[in-house]
Amino acid sequence: MGMVSVDITIEQIKKAMRQLPEQDKIALWRLLDEEIDRAALTRRFSAAVNDIRRAYAQIGEEEVLADAIKTTRQSRKAHHAKSRF
């Protein structure tokens, strides 16, 4: 039997996944969850937090908080606008 190669974009995979019934989505989620390298994910998250702390080390807590709130609102607004379409 011969080999078949198929090129599928991540967008095509997302579109196909959205069409799955909920039970299949849950099964797929569980399968993917098993594949996650939690230690690597934790290291990446910790590195990102440390980078942020270093970047804001010379800035007052009030200003950092105000910046975080502003950025969160912008992100939520952008996400909301994207999800509406």
PDB file of N, CA and C in Angstrom:
ATOM      1  N   MET A   1       0.846  -1.173   0.000  1.00  0.00           N
ATOM      2  CA  MET A   1       0.000   0.000   0.000  1.00  0.00           C
ATOM      3  C   MET A   1       0.892   1.237   0.000  1.00  0.00           C
ATOM      4  N   GLY A   2       0.552   2.251  -0.796  1.00  0.00           N
ATOM      5  CA  GLY A   2       1.356   3.459  -0.924  1.00  0.00           C
ATOM      6  C   GLY A   2       1.075   4.467   0.175  1.00  0.00           C
ATOM      7  N   MET A   3       1.985   5.402   0.296  1.00  0.00           N
ATOM      8  CA  MET A   3       1.848   6.482   1.283  1.00  0.00           C
ATOM      9  C   MET A   3       1.040   7.624   0.674  1.00  0.00           C
ATOM     10  N   VAL A   4       0.252   8.260   1.503  1.00  0.00           N
ATOM     11  CA  VAL A   4      -0.519   9.426   1.097  1.00  0.00           C
ATOM     12  C   VAL A   4      -0.117  10.577   2.011  1.00  0.00           C
ATOM     13  N   SER A   5       0.160  11.717   1.402  1.00  0.00           N
ATOM     14  CA  SER A   5       0.514  12.899   2.176  1.00  0.00           C
ATOM     15  C   SER A   5      -0.550  13.968   1.954  1.00  0.00           C
ATOM     16  N   VAL A   6      -1.029  14.531   3.066  1.00  0.00           N
ATOM     17  CA  VAL A   6      -2.071  15.544   2.990  1.00  0.00           C
ATOM     18  C   VAL A   6      -1.594  16.778   3.745  1.00  0.00           C
ATOM     19  N   ASP A   7      -1.678  17.929   3.110  1.00  0.00           N
ATOM     20  CA  ASP A   7      -1.336  19.186   3.769  1.00  0.00           C
ATOM     21  C   ASP A   7      -2.622  19.843   4.263  1.00  0.00           C
ATOM     22  N   ILE A   8      -2.710  20.000   5.590  1.00  0.00           N
ATOM     23  CA  ILE A   8      -3.881  20.614   6.198  1.00  0.00           C
ATOM     24  C   ILE A   8      -3.400  21.763   7.078  1.00  0.00           C
ATOM     25  N   THR A   9      -4.025  22.910   6.921  1.00  0.00           N
ATOM     26  CA  THR A   9      -3.640  24.059   7.738  1.00  0.00           C
ATOM     27  C   THR A   9      -4.308  23.966   9.109  1.00  0.00           C
ATOM     28  N   ILE A  10      -3.772  24.683  10.062  1.00  0.00           N
ATOM     29  CA  ILE A  10      -4.369  24.726  11.398  1.00  0.00           C
ATOM     30  C   ILE A  10      -5.788  25.292  11.336  1.00  0.00           C
ATOM     31  N   GLU A  11      -6.012  26.228  10.426  1.00  0.00           N
ATOM     32  CA  GLU A  11      -7.359  26.792  10.274  1.00  0.00           C
ATOM     33  C   GLU A  11      -8.347  25.735   9.791  1.00  0.00           C
ATOM     34  N   GLN A  12      -7.914  24.851   8.894  1.00  0.00           N
ATOM     35  CA  GLN A  12      -8.792  23.776   8.425  1.00  0.00           C
ATOM     36  C   GLN A  12      -9.096  22.797   9.560  1.00  0.00           C
ATOM     37  N   ILE A  13      -8.101  22.539  10.401  1.00  0.00           N
ATOM     38  CA  ILE A  13      -8.300  21.653  11.549  1.00  0.00           C
ATOM     39  C   ILE A  13      -9.294  22.289  12.521  1.00  0.00           C
ATOM     40  N   LYS A  14      -9.117  23.588  12.793  1.00  0.00           N
ATOM     41  CA  LYS A  14     -10.041  24.283  13.699  1.00  0.00           C
ATOM     42  C   LYS A  14     -11.471  24.231  13.160  1.00  0.00           C
ATOM     43  N   LYS A  15     -11.614  24.475  11.871  1.00  0.00           N
ATOM     44  CA  LYS A  15     -12.947  24.467  11.265  1.00  0.00           C
ATOM     45  C   LYS A  15     -13.586  23.085  11.395  1.00  0.00           C
ATOM     46  N   ALA A  16     -12.804  22.057  11.159  1.00  0.00           N
ATOM     47  CA  ALA A  16     -13.324  20.694  11.272  1.00  0.00           C
ATOM     48  C   ALA A  16     -13.684  20.369  12.717  1.00  0.00           C
ATOM     49  N   MET A  17     -12.863  20.809  13.649  1.00  0.00           N
ATOM     50  CA  MET A  17     -13.127  20.546  15.061  1.00  0.00           C
ATOM     51  C   MET A  17     -14.407  21.219  15.521  1.00  0.00           C
ATOM     52  N   ARG A  18     -14.666  22.408  15.018  1.00  0.00           N
ATOM     53  CA  ARG A  18     -15.879  23.131  15.416  1.00  0.00           C
ATOM     54  C   ARG A  18     -17.140  22.400  14.961  1.00  0.00           C
ATOM     55  N   GLN A  19     -17.010  21.570  13.953  1.00  0.00           N
ATOM     56  CA  GLN A  19     -18.166  20.846  13.425  1.00  0.00           C
ATOM     57  C   GLN A  19     -18.406  19.517  14.152  1.00  0.00           C
ATOM     58  N   LEU A  20     -17.462  19.121  15.015  1.00  0.00           N
ATOM     59  CA  LEU A  20     -17.604  17.862  15.738  1.00  0.00           C
ATOM     60  C   LEU A  20     -18.696  17.957  16.797  1.00  0.00           C
ATOM     61  N   PRO A  21     -19.341  16.820  17.087  1.00  0.00           N
ATOM     62  CA  PRO A  21     -20.273  16.818  18.212  1.00  0.00           C
ATOM     63  C   PRO A  21     -19.492  16.980  19.526  1.00  0.00           C
ATOM     64  N   GLU A  22     -20.176  17.447  20.559  1.00  0.00           N
ATOM     65  CA  GLU A  22     -19.513  17.740  21.829  1.00  0.00           C
ATOM     66  C   GLU A  22     -18.750  16.539  22.380  1.00  0.00           C
ATOM     67  N   GLN A  23     -19.307  15.365  22.275  1.00  0.00           N
ATOM     68  CA  GLN A  23     -18.657  14.166  22.799  1.00  0.00           C
ATOM     69  C   GLN A  23     -17.298  13.933  22.120  1.00  0.00           C
ATOM     70  N   ASP A  24     -17.226  14.142  20.816  1.00  0.00           N
ATOM     71  CA  ASP A  24     -15.964  13.984  20.097  1.00  0.00           C
ATOM     72  C   ASP A  24     -14.969  15.080  20.477  1.00  0.00           C
ATOM     73  N   LYS A  25     -15.470  16.295  20.702  1.00  0.00           N
ATOM     74  CA  LYS A  25     -14.586  17.383  21.138  1.00  0.00           C
ATOM     75  C   LYS A  25     -13.962  17.056  22.489  1.00  0.00           C
ATOM     76  N   ILE A  26     -14.764  16.497  23.391  1.00  0.00           N
ATOM     77  CA  ILE A  26     -14.253  16.130  24.716  1.00  0.00           C
ATOM     78  C   ILE A  26     -13.206  15.029  24.595  1.00  0.00           C
ATOM     79  N   ALA A  27     -13.465  14.036  23.763  1.00  0.00           N
ATOM     80  CA  ALA A  27     -12.494  12.956  23.560  1.00  0.00           C
ATOM     81  C   ALA A  27     -11.188  13.499  22.980  1.00  0.00           C
ATOM     82  N   LEU A  28     -11.299  14.422  22.038  1.00  0.00           N
ATOM     83  CA  LEU A  28     -10.113  15.035  21.446  1.00  0.00           C
ATOM     84  C   LEU A  28      -9.369  15.880  22.467  1.00  0.00           C
ATOM     85  N   TRP A  29     -10.099  16.638  23.274  1.00  0.00           N
ATOM     86  CA  TRP A  29      -9.496  17.454  24.328  1.00  0.00           C
ATOM     87  C   TRP A  29      -8.720  16.571  25.292  1.00  0.00           C
ATOM     88  N   ARG A  30      -9.300  15.437  25.703  1.00  0.00           N
ATOM     89  CA  ARG A  30      -8.610  14.524  26.628  1.00  0.00           C
ATOM     90  C   ARG A  30      -7.345  13.960  26.002  1.00  0.00           C
ATOM     91  N   LEU A  31      -7.421  13.609  24.739  1.00  0.00           N
ATOM     92  CA  LEU A  31      -6.246  13.089  24.037  1.00  0.00           C
ATOM     93  C   LEU A  31      -5.135  14.133  23.989  1.00  0.00           C
ATOM     94  N   LEU A  32      -5.482  15.352  23.624  1.00  0.00           N
ATOM     95  CA  LEU A  32      -4.484  16.425  23.550  1.00  0.00           C
ATOM     96  C   LEU A  32      -3.949  16.779  24.930  1.00  0.00           C
ATOM     97  N   ASP A  33      -4.801  16.730  25.942  1.00  0.00           N
ATOM     98  CA  ASP A  33      -4.379  17.043  27.302  1.00  0.00           C
ATOM     99  C   ASP A  33      -3.282  16.088  27.771  1.00  0.00           C
ATOM    100  N   GLU A  34      -3.369  14.828  27.353  1.00  0.00           N
ATOM    101  CA  GLU A  34      -2.345  13.843  27.715  1.00  0.00           C
ATOM    102  C   GLU A  34      -1.001  14.163  27.073  1.00  0.00           C
ATOM    103  N   GLU A  35      -1.021  14.866  25.967  1.00  0.00           N
ATOM    104  CA  GLU A  35       0.193  15.171  25.213  1.00  0.00           C
ATOM    105  C   GLU A  35       0.960  16.382  25.752  1.00  0.00           C
ATOM    106  N   ILE A  36       0.332  17.153  26.624  1.00  0.00           N
ATOM    107  CA  ILE A  36       0.951  18.388  27.111  1.00  0.00           C
ATOM    108  C   ILE A  36       2.096  18.071  28.061  1.00  0.00           C
ATOM    109  N   ASP A  37       3.224  18.683  27.815  1.00  0.00           N
ATOM    110  CA  ASP A  37       4.380  18.577  28.717  1.00  0.00           C
ATOM    111  C   ASP A  37       4.206  19.659  29.774  1.00  0.00           C
ATOM    112  N   ARG A  38       3.595  19.299  30.875  1.00  0.00           N
ATOM    113  CA  ARG A  38       3.250  20.276  31.906  1.00  0.00           C
ATOM    114  C   ARG A  38       4.487  20.939  32.509  1.00  0.00           C
ATOM    115  N   ALA A  39       5.574  20.192  32.644  1.00  0.00           N
ATOM    116  CA  ALA A  39       6.808  20.777  33.194  1.00  0.00           C
ATOM    117  C   ALA A  39       7.338  21.865  32.264  1.00  0.00           C
ATOM    118  N   ALA A  40       7.319  21.612  30.966  1.00  0.00           N
ATOM    119  CA  ALA A  40       7.787  22.608  29.997  1.00  0.00           C
ATOM    120  C   ALA A  40       6.861  23.820  29.999  1.00  0.00           C
ATOM    121  N   LEU A  41       5.578  23.579  30.097  1.00  0.00           N
ATOM    122  CA  LEU A  41       4.607  24.669  30.139  1.00  0.00           C
ATOM    123  C   LEU A  41       4.825  25.531  31.378  1.00  0.00           C
ATOM    124  N   THR A  42       5.075  24.897  32.504  1.00  0.00           N
ATOM    125  CA  THR A  42       5.340  25.620  33.745  1.00  0.00           C
ATOM    126  C   THR A  42       6.615  26.446  33.626  1.00  0.00           C
ATOM    127  N   ARG A  43       7.649  25.875  33.006  1.00  0.00           N
ATOM    128  CA  ARG A  43       8.903  26.628  32.818  1.00  0.00           C
ATOM    129  C   ARG A  43       8.681  27.848  31.931  1.00  0.00           C
ATOM    130  N   ARG A  44       7.931  27.688  30.851  1.00  0.00           N
ATOM    131  CA  ARG A  44       7.659  28.808  29.947  1.00  0.00           C
ATOM    132  C   ARG A  44       6.867  29.901  30.659  1.00  0.00           C
ATOM    133  N   PHE A  45       5.867  29.496  31.428  1.00  0.00           N
ATOM    134  CA  PHE A  45       5.056  30.465  32.158  1.00  0.00           C
ATOM    135  C   PHE A  45       5.909  31.210  33.179  1.00  0.00           C
ATOM    136  N   SER A  46       6.714  30.477  33.931  1.00  0.00           N
ATOM    137  CA  SER A  46       7.581  31.098  34.936  1.00  0.00           C
ATOM    138  C   SER A  46       8.568  32.066  34.294  1.00  0.00           C
ATOM    139  N   ALA A  47       9.127  31.682  33.159  1.00  0.00           N
ATOM    140  CA  ALA A  47      10.060  32.559  32.454  1.00  0.00           C
ATOM    141  C   ALA A  47       9.356  33.838  32.006  1.00  0.00           C
ATOM    142  N   ALA A  48       8.140  33.709  31.518  1.00  0.00           N
ATOM    143  CA  ALA A  48       7.386  34.888  31.082  1.00  0.00           C
ATOM    144  C   ALA A  48       7.084  35.812  32.260  1.00  0.00           C
ATOM    145  N   VAL A  49       6.691  35.230  33.390  1.00  0.00           N
ATOM    146  CA  VAL A  49       6.409  36.038  34.582  1.00  0.00           C
ATOM    147  C   VAL A  49       7.678  36.746  35.042  1.00  0.00           C
ATOM    148  N   ASN A  50       8.798  36.045  35.048  1.00  0.00           N
ATOM    149  CA  ASN A  50      10.067  36.660  35.456  1.00  0.00           C
ATOM    150  C   ASN A  50      10.480  37.780  34.506  1.00  0.00           C
ATOM    151  N   ASP A  51      10.255  37.591  33.205  1.00  0.00           N
ATOM    152  CA  ASP A  51      10.552  38.649  32.231  1.00  0.00           C
ATOM    153  C   ASP A  51       9.703  39.891  32.509  1.00  0.00           C
ATOM    154  N   ILE A  52       8.453  39.676  32.815  1.00  0.00           N
ATOM    155  CA  ILE A  52       7.557  40.799  33.121  1.00  0.00           C
ATOM    156  C   ILE A  52       8.023  41.514  34.387  1.00  0.00           C
ATOM    157  N   ARG A  53       8.366  40.748  35.396  1.00  0.00           N
ATOM    158  CA  ARG A  53       8.837  41.353  36.644  1.00  0.00           C
ATOM    159  C   ARG A  53      10.091  42.181  36.415  1.00  0.00           C
ATOM    160  N   ARG A  54      11.014  41.663  35.608  1.00  0.00           N
ATOM    161  CA  ARG A  54      12.242  42.422  35.312  1.00  0.00           C
ATOM    162  C   ARG A  54      11.913  43.700  34.536  1.00  0.00           C
ATOM    163  N   ALA A  55      10.994  43.599  33.593  1.00  0.00           N
ATOM    164  CA  ALA A  55      10.632  44.755  32.772  1.00  0.00           C
ATOM    165  C   ALA A  55      10.004  45.859  33.608  1.00  0.00           C
ATOM    166  N   TYR A  56       9.264  45.477  34.638  1.00  0.00           N
ATOM    167  CA  TYR A  56       8.556  46.456  35.457  1.00  0.00           C
ATOM    168  C   TYR A  56       9.227  46.729  36.799  1.00  0.00           C
ATOM    169  N   ALA A  57      10.442  46.252  36.994  1.00  0.00           N
ATOM    170  CA  ALA A  57      11.118  46.362  38.295  1.00  0.00           C
ATOM    171  C   ALA A  57      11.275  47.813  38.756  1.00  0.00           C
ATOM    172  N   GLN A  58      11.462  48.735  37.828  1.00  0.00           N
ATOM    173  CA  GLN A  58      11.705  50.142  38.188  1.00  0.00           C
ATOM    174  C   GLN A  58      10.440  50.994  38.149  1.00  0.00           C
ATOM    175  N   ILE A  59       9.313  50.365  37.942  1.00  0.00           N
ATOM    176  CA  ILE A  59       8.055  51.096  37.816  1.00  0.00           C
ATOM    177  C   ILE A  59       7.186  50.788  39.030  1.00  0.00           C
ATOM    178  N   GLY A  60       6.518  51.790  39.547  1.00  0.00           N
ATOM    179  CA  GLY A  60       5.676  51.633  40.734  1.00  0.00           C
ATOM    180  C   GLY A  60       4.519  50.675  40.519  1.00  0.00           C
ATOM    181  N   GLU A  61       4.086  50.066  41.612  1.00  0.00           N
ATOM    182  CA  GLU A  61       3.015  49.067  41.558  1.00  0.00           C
ATOM    183  C   GLU A  61       1.719  49.642  41.002  1.00  0.00           C
ATOM    184  N   GLU A  62       1.389  50.869  41.358  1.00  0.00           N
ATOM    185  CA  GLU A  62       0.143  51.490  40.878  1.00  0.00           C
ATOM    186  C   GLU A  62       0.152  51.647  39.350  1.00  0.00           C
ATOM    187  N   GLU A  63       1.294  52.061  38.829  1.00  0.00           N
ATOM    188  CA  GLU A  63       1.412  52.239  37.376  1.00  0.00           C
ATOM    189  C   GLU A  63       1.359  50.882  36.664  1.00  0.00           C
ATOM    190  N   VAL A  64       1.998  49.878  37.248  1.00  0.00           N
ATOM    191  CA  VAL A  64       1.964  48.533  36.666  1.00  0.00           C
ATOM    192  C   VAL A  64       0.530  48.017  36.639  1.00  0.00           C
ATOM    193  N   LEU A  65      -0.190  48.188  37.742  1.00  0.00           N
ATOM    194  CA  LEU A  65      -1.569  47.731  37.818  1.00  0.00           C
ATOM    195  C   LEU A  65      -2.440  48.454  36.795  1.00  0.00           C
ATOM    196  N   ALA A  66      -2.273  49.753  36.678  1.00  0.00           N
ATOM    197  CA  ALA A  66      -3.051  50.528  35.703  1.00  0.00           C
ATOM    198  C   ALA A  66      -2.765  50.040  34.283  1.00  0.00           C
ATOM    199  N   ASP A  67      -1.494  49.758  33.986  1.00  0.00           N
ATOM    200  CA  ASP A  67      -1.111  49.256  32.674  1.00  0.00           C
ATOM    201  C   ASP A  67      -1.723  47.875  32.425  1.00  0.00           C
ATOM    202  N   ALA A  68      -1.706  47.023  33.451  1.00  0.00           N
ATOM    203  CA  ALA A  68      -2.273  45.684  33.320  1.00  0.00           C
ATOM    204  C   ALA A  68      -3.776  45.754  33.061  1.00  0.00           C
ATOM    205  N   ILE A  69      -4.460  46.623  33.771  1.00  0.00           N
ATOM    206  CA  ILE A  69      -5.909  46.780  33.577  1.00  0.00           C
ATOM    207  C   ILE A  69      -6.206  47.284  32.173  1.00  0.00           C
ATOM    208  N   LYS A  70      -5.458  48.269  31.731  1.00  0.00           N
ATOM    209  CA  LYS A  70      -5.655  48.830  30.391  1.00  0.00           C
ATOM    210  C   LYS A  70      -5.435  47.762  29.323  1.00  0.00           C
ATOM    211  N   THR A  71      -4.359  46.997  29.453  1.00  0.00           N
ATOM    212  CA  THR A  71      -4.036  45.961  28.481  1.00  0.00           C
ATOM    213  C   THR A  71      -5.086  44.856  28.485  1.00  0.00           C
ATOM    214  N   THR A  72      -5.558  44.481  29.666  1.00  0.00           N
ATOM    215  CA  THR A  72      -6.590  43.455  29.775  1.00  0.00           C
ATOM    216  C   THR A  72      -7.871  43.909  29.086  1.00  0.00           C
ATOM    217  N   ARG A  73      -8.246  45.144  29.302  1.00  0.00           N
ATOM    218  CA  ARG A  73      -9.461  45.670  28.656  1.00  0.00           C
ATOM    219  C   ARG A  73      -9.316  45.687  27.137  1.00  0.00           C
ATOM    220  N   GLN A  74      -8.146  46.097  26.653  1.00  0.00           N
ATOM    221  CA  GLN A  74      -7.910  46.116  25.210  1.00  0.00           C
ATOM    222  C   GLN A  74      -7.979  44.705  24.628  1.00  0.00           C
ATOM    223  N   SER A  75      -7.380  43.767  25.338  1.00  0.00           N
ATOM    224  CA  SER A  75      -7.379  42.381  24.878  1.00  0.00           C
ATOM    225  C   SER A  75      -8.785  41.805  24.849  1.00  0.00           C
ATOM    226  N   ARG A  76      -9.549  42.054  25.900  1.00  0.00           N
ATOM    227  CA  ARG A  76     -10.931  41.572  25.951  1.00  0.00           C
ATOM    228  C   ARG A  76     -11.771  42.187  24.842  1.00  0.00           C
ATOM    229  N   LYS A  77     -11.568  43.473  24.598  1.00  0.00           N
ATOM    230  CA  LYS A  77     -12.313  44.161  23.544  1.00  0.00           C
ATOM    231  C   LYS A  77     -11.988  43.555  22.179  1.00  0.00           C
ATOM    232  N   ALA A  78     -10.714  43.307  21.934  1.00  0.00           N
ATOM    233  CA  ALA A  78     -10.288  42.721  20.661  1.00  0.00           C
ATOM    234  C   ALA A  78     -10.843  41.298  20.526  1.00  0.00           C
ATOM    235  N   HIS A  79     -10.778  40.535  21.600  1.00  0.00           N
ATOM    236  CA  HIS A  79     -11.287  39.151  21.572  1.00  0.00           C
ATOM    237  C   HIS A  79     -12.794  39.159  21.331  1.00  0.00           C
ATOM    238  N   HIS A  80     -13.499  40.048  22.003  1.00  0.00           N
ATOM    239  CA  HIS A  80     -14.946  40.146  21.840  1.00  0.00           C
ATOM    240  C   HIS A  80     -15.306  40.519  20.400  1.00  0.00           C
ATOM    241  N   ALA A  81     -14.570  41.479  19.848  1.00  0.00           N
ATOM    242  CA  ALA A  81     -14.835  41.899  18.463  1.00  0.00           C
ATOM    243  C   ALA A  81     -14.581  40.751  17.499  1.00  0.00           C
ATOM    244  N   LYS A  82     -13.530  39.980  17.755  1.00  0.00           N
ATOM    245  CA  LYS A  82     -13.192  38.861  16.876  1.00  0.00           C
ATOM    246  C   LYS A  82     -14.236  37.755  16.985  1.00  0.00           C
ATOM    247  N   SER A  83     -14.749  37.505  18.189  1.00  0.00           N
ATOM    248  CA  SER A  83     -15.699  36.418  18.392  1.00  0.00           C
ATOM    249  C   SER A  83     -17.082  36.740  17.838  1.00  0.00           C
ATOM    250  N   ARG A  84     -17.339  37.996  17.564  1.00  0.00           N
ATOM    251  CA  ARG A  84     -18.633  38.391  17.025  1.00  0.00           C
ATOM    252  C   ARG A  84     -18.763  38.054  15.549  1.00  0.00           C
ATOM    253  N   PHE A  85     -17.650  37.780  14.889  1.00  0.00           N
ATOM    254  CA  PHE A  85     -17.680  37.510  13.440  1.00  0.00           C
ATOM    255  C   PHE A  85     -17.472  36.080  13.141  1.00  0.00           C
TER     256      PHE A  85
END
